[in-house]
Amino acid sequence: AAQVQVPNPEKVAVITQTTLSMDDTRAIVEALRRRFPKLVAPSKDDICYATQNRQNAVKAIAKEAEVIVVGGGPGGLGAAVMAARAGADTLLIERYGFLGGMASAGEVHPFMGNHVEGRPLDGPVYTDWIEKMRAYWPREGKDLHISRDAAMLGAEDLCREAGVRLLYHHALQDVLAGGESIDALVLFSKSGLTGAKAKLYVDCTGDAD
């Protein structure tokens, strides 16, 4: 708005896209009015209900962090724990009231290790999670079967020890993006819509929707 060039400053009109932030739009229009006093704008604002809801949700930001991980399955658990261990203020958002993904919600087992020529490839969070599970559900030898309850509790213990903040019962509803970057997340819970912002977002939902 501060740099745009027009052929005739006396004849300038503006229309806006409804998916833009109302606050950002207002600032842009005000900047144009300062440059072009005869600016013509729509006689009224006409923004769809869904867009207004998303923008209101982000204004009422519930959480902010350096790193936000969405999805508390094995992938999200690993991402969140390692980010927190590296010193980042990390928020893990999970739509259910527990972590573990299909290991907990679906009780999918056994946990299969990965190796090449006898050399284990499993990262630290996987083995740490197994150890936490065994504290709740002791097993002998290399038994890879799991208990869904032990998986839930062990995953939460890992997060709490690493300093990960947990936000349960919130699902990713939408994202607000500016250019090629994400400005904020729109979350849905029983209480309605809310928002969350971070410097870095990690999608571990499993389906990227």
Protein backbone atom coordinates (compact mmCIF):
# COMPACT_ATOMS: atom_id res chain seq x y z
CA ALA A 1 0.00 0.00 0.00
CA ALA A 2 2.86 2.38 0.72
CA GLN A 3 4.58 1.70 -2.60
CA VAL A 4 1.85 0.85 -5.12
CA GLN A 5 1.87 3.07 -8.23
CA VAL A 6 -1.30 4.01 -10.11
CA PRO A 7 -1.81 5.89 -13.41
CA ASN A 8 -4.25 8.40 -11.92
CA PRO A 9 -4.16 9.08 -8.14
CA GLU A 10 -7.55 10.81 -8.45
CA LYS A 11 -9.25 7.59 -9.56
CA VAL A 12 -8.39 4.75 -7.20
CA ALA A 13 -10.76 2.10 -5.86
CA VAL A 14 -10.18 -0.81 -3.53
CA ILE A 15 -11.82 -4.20 -3.00
CA THR A 16 -10.61 -6.87 -0.59
CA GLN A 17 -10.59 -10.65 -0.39
CA THR A 18 -12.80 -12.01 2.38
CA THR A 19 -10.19 -14.51 3.56
CA LEU A 20 -7.80 -11.72 4.56
CA SER A 21 -7.58 -10.68 8.18
CA MET A 22 -10.01 -7.84 8.88
CA ASP A 23 -7.32 -6.05 10.89
CA ASP A 24 -4.74 -6.39 8.10
CA THR A 25 -7.29 -5.24 5.54
CA ARG A 26 -8.19 -2.19 7.62
CA ALA A 27 -4.53 -1.18 7.95
CA ILE A 28 -3.99 -1.52 4.20
CA VAL A 29 -7.06 0.57 3.35
CA GLU A 30 -6.03 3.27 5.83
CA ALA A 31 -2.57 3.44 4.27
CA LEU A 32 -4.13 3.81 0.82
CA ARG A 33 -6.45 6.58 2.03
CA ARG A 34 -3.48 8.56 3.30
CA ARG A 35 -1.91 8.39 -0.14
CA PHE A 36 -5.11 8.69 -2.16
CA PRO A 37 -7.68 10.88 -0.35
CA LYS A 38 -10.32 10.22 -3.02
CA LEU A 39 -10.06 6.45 -2.60
CA VAL A 40 -13.33 4.66 -3.31
CA ALA A 41 -14.14 1.66 -1.10
CA PRO A 42 -17.18 -0.62 -0.75
CA SER A 43 -20.07 0.97 1.15
CA LYS A 44 -20.12 -1.86 3.66
CA ASP A 45 -18.11 -4.86 4.82
CA ASP A 46 -19.41 -8.19 3.61
CA ILE A 47 -17.50 -11.09 5.09
CA CYS A 48 -18.71 -14.66 5.28
CA TYR A 49 -19.66 -16.18 8.63
CA ALA A 50 -17.02 -18.92 8.48
CA THR A 51 -14.21 -16.47 7.73
CA GLN A 52 -15.31 -14.18 10.54
CA ASN A 53 -15.35 -17.11 12.95
CA ARG A 54 -11.80 -18.12 12.01
CA GLN A 55 -10.52 -14.60 12.44
CA ASN A 56 -12.26 -14.15 15.78
CA ALA A 57 -10.75 -17.43 16.94
CA VAL A 58 -7.22 -16.33 16.13
CA LYS A 59 -7.77 -13.01 17.90
CA ALA A 60 -8.53 -15.04 21.02
CA ILE A 61 -5.21 -16.88 20.85
CA ALA A 62 -5.16 -19.57 23.49
CA LYS A 63 -1.58 -20.70 23.17
CA GLU A 64 1.73 -19.46 21.82
CA ALA A 65 5.00 -21.35 21.56
CA GLU A 66 8.24 -21.52 19.61
CA VAL A 67 7.28 -24.92 18.19
CA ILE A 68 3.77 -26.34 17.81
CA VAL A 69 3.37 -30.02 16.96
CA VAL A 70 -0.09 -31.15 15.87
CA GLY A 71 -0.84 -34.82 16.49
CA GLY A 72 0.26 -36.85 19.50
CA GLY A 73 1.00 -40.18 17.81
CA PRO A 74 4.50 -41.70 17.64
CA GLY A 75 5.65 -39.12 15.09
CA GLY A 76 4.31 -36.18 17.04
CA LEU A 77 5.69 -37.58 20.28
CA GLY A 78 9.16 -37.82 18.77
CA ALA A 79 9.01 -34.34 17.24
CA ALA A 80 7.74 -32.67 20.40
CA VAL A 81 10.09 -34.40 22.82
CA MET A 82 13.18 -33.77 20.70
CA ALA A 83 12.22 -30.11 20.13
CA ALA A 84 11.77 -29.60 23.87
CA ARG A 85 15.01 -31.41 24.67
CA ALA A 86 16.75 -29.03 22.28
CA GLY A 87 15.50 -26.12 24.36
CA ALA A 88 12.46 -24.96 22.36
CA ASP A 89 9.24 -23.91 24.06
CA THR A 90 7.08 -26.68 22.61
CA LEU A 91 3.31 -27.21 22.53
CA LEU A 92 1.85 -30.56 21.49
CA ILE A 93 -1.78 -30.45 20.36
CA GLU A 94 -3.82 -33.68 20.41
CA ARG A 95 -7.47 -34.17 19.49
CA TYR A 96 -7.98 -36.97 22.01
CA GLY A 97 -7.39 -36.90 25.75
CA PHE A 98 -4.24 -39.01 25.54
CA LEU A 99 -1.09 -39.52 23.47
CA GLY A 100 0.17 -42.51 21.54
CA GLY A 101 -1.82 -42.49 18.32
CA MET A 102 -2.79 -45.94 17.11
CA ALA A 103 -0.59 -47.53 19.77
CA SER A 104 -3.11 -46.20 22.29
CA ALA A 105 -6.34 -45.53 20.40
CA GLY A 106 -6.09 -48.69 18.28
CA GLU A 107 -3.85 -50.83 20.48
CA VAL A 108 -1.77 -51.71 17.43
CA HIS A 109 1.13 -53.91 18.45
CA PRO A 110 3.72 -55.32 18.69
CA PHE A 111 6.22 -52.46 18.41
CA MET A 112 8.55 -53.57 15.66
CA GLY A 113 12.16 -52.41 15.87
CA ASN A 114 14.31 -51.39 12.91
CA HIS A 115 17.81 -52.67 12.28
CA VAL A 116 20.44 -53.24 9.60
CA GLU A 117 22.86 -56.13 10.04
CA GLY A 118 22.03 -56.27 13.71
CA ARG A 119 22.57 -52.53 14.27
CA PRO A 120 19.46 -50.84 15.75
CA LEU A 121 18.16 -47.78 13.90
CA ASP A 122 15.52 -46.74 16.44
CA GLY A 123 15.93 -43.22 17.74
CA PRO A 124 16.09 -42.16 21.36
CA VAL A 125 12.40 -41.35 21.79
CA TYR A 126 11.29 -44.81 20.67
CA THR A 127 13.54 -46.61 23.14
CA ASP A 128 12.75 -44.10 25.89
CA TRP A 129 9.03 -44.66 25.30
CA ILE A 130 9.48 -48.44 25.59
CA GLU A 131 11.31 -47.92 28.87
CA LYS A 132 8.53 -45.70 30.22
CA MET A 133 5.91 -48.28 29.23
CA ARG A 134 7.78 -51.04 31.03
CA ALA A 135 7.62 -49.05 34.26
CA TYR A 136 3.82 -49.43 34.12
CA TRP A 137 3.66 -52.85 32.43
CA PRO A 138 6.81 -54.92 33.10
CA ARG A 139 7.74 -57.46 30.43
CA GLU A 140 10.57 -59.95 30.18
CA GLY A 141 13.27 -60.07 27.55
CA LYS A 142 12.54 -58.55 24.13
CA ASP A 143 8.76 -58.84 24.31
CA LEU A 144 7.51 -56.07 22.00
CA HIS A 145 3.84 -56.29 22.92
CA ILE A 146 2.38 -53.20 24.54
CA SER A 147 -0.48 -52.11 26.75
CA ARG A 148 -2.53 -49.18 25.48
CA ASP A 149 -2.72 -47.72 28.98
CA ALA A 150 1.03 -48.05 29.49
CA ALA A 151 1.58 -46.44 26.07
CA MET A 152 -0.59 -43.44 27.05
CA LEU A 153 1.07 -42.97 30.42
CA GLY A 154 4.59 -43.52 29.14
CA ALA A 155 4.14 -41.00 26.32
CA GLU A 156 2.83 -38.36 28.69
CA ASP A 157 5.68 -38.99 31.12
CA LEU A 158 8.20 -38.44 28.30
CA CYS A 159 6.58 -35.14 27.37
CA ARG A 160 6.32 -33.87 30.92
CA GLU A 161 9.94 -34.72 31.68
CA ALA A 162 11.11 -32.96 28.49
CA GLY A 163 9.02 -29.88 29.26
CA VAL A 164 6.50 -30.27 26.46
CA ARG A 165 3.23 -28.44 27.08
CA LEU A 166 0.16 -30.51 26.23
CA LEU A 167 -3.17 -29.34 24.82
CA TYR A 168 -5.68 -32.20 24.72
CA HIS A 169 -9.14 -32.32 23.14
CA HIS A 170 -8.27 -29.80 20.42
CA ALA A 171 -8.42 -30.63 16.71
CA LEU A 172 -6.87 -28.67 13.87
CA GLN A 173 -9.74 -26.93 12.06
CA ASP A 174 -7.96 -24.54 9.71
CA VAL A 175 -4.82 -22.48 9.16
CA LEU A 176 -4.42 -18.79 8.43
CA ALA A 177 -1.60 -18.26 5.99
CA GLY A 178 0.16 -15.19 4.68
CA GLY A 179 2.07 -15.80 1.47
CA GLU A 180 3.95 -19.07 1.88
CA SER A 181 3.99 -19.10 5.68
CA ILE A 182 1.46 -20.02 8.36
CA ASP A 183 0.35 -17.13 10.56
CA ALA A 184 -1.76 -19.13 13.03
CA LEU A 185 -3.72 -22.33 13.59
CA VAL A 186 -7.46 -22.43 14.13
CA LEU A 187 -8.38 -25.14 16.64
CA PHE A 188 -11.71 -26.65 17.55
CA SER A 189 -12.73 -28.03 20.92
CA LYS A 190 -15.95 -28.53 22.87
CA SER A 191 -15.62 -24.90 23.94
CA GLY A 192 -15.61 -23.71 20.32
CA LEU A 193 -12.92 -22.17 18.14
CA THR A 194 -9.61 -20.85 19.39
CA GLY A 195 -6.18 -20.21 17.96
CA ALA A 196 -2.51 -20.99 18.43
CA LYS A 197 0.64 -19.36 17.07
CA ALA A 198 4.25 -20.49 16.80
CA LYS A 199 7.49 -19.76 14.98
CA LEU A 200 7.56 -23.32 13.64
CA TYR A 201 4.72 -25.77 12.97
CA VAL A 202 5.09 -29.55 12.64
CA ASP A 203 2.21 -31.53 11.11
CA CYS A 204 2.07 -35.00 12.66
CA THR A 205 -1.66 -35.58 12.14
CA GLY A 206 -0.97 -38.47 9.80
CA ASP A 207 -3.26 -37.19 7.06
CA ALA A 208 -2.21 -33.52 6.64
CA ASP A 209 -5.77 -32.22 6.55
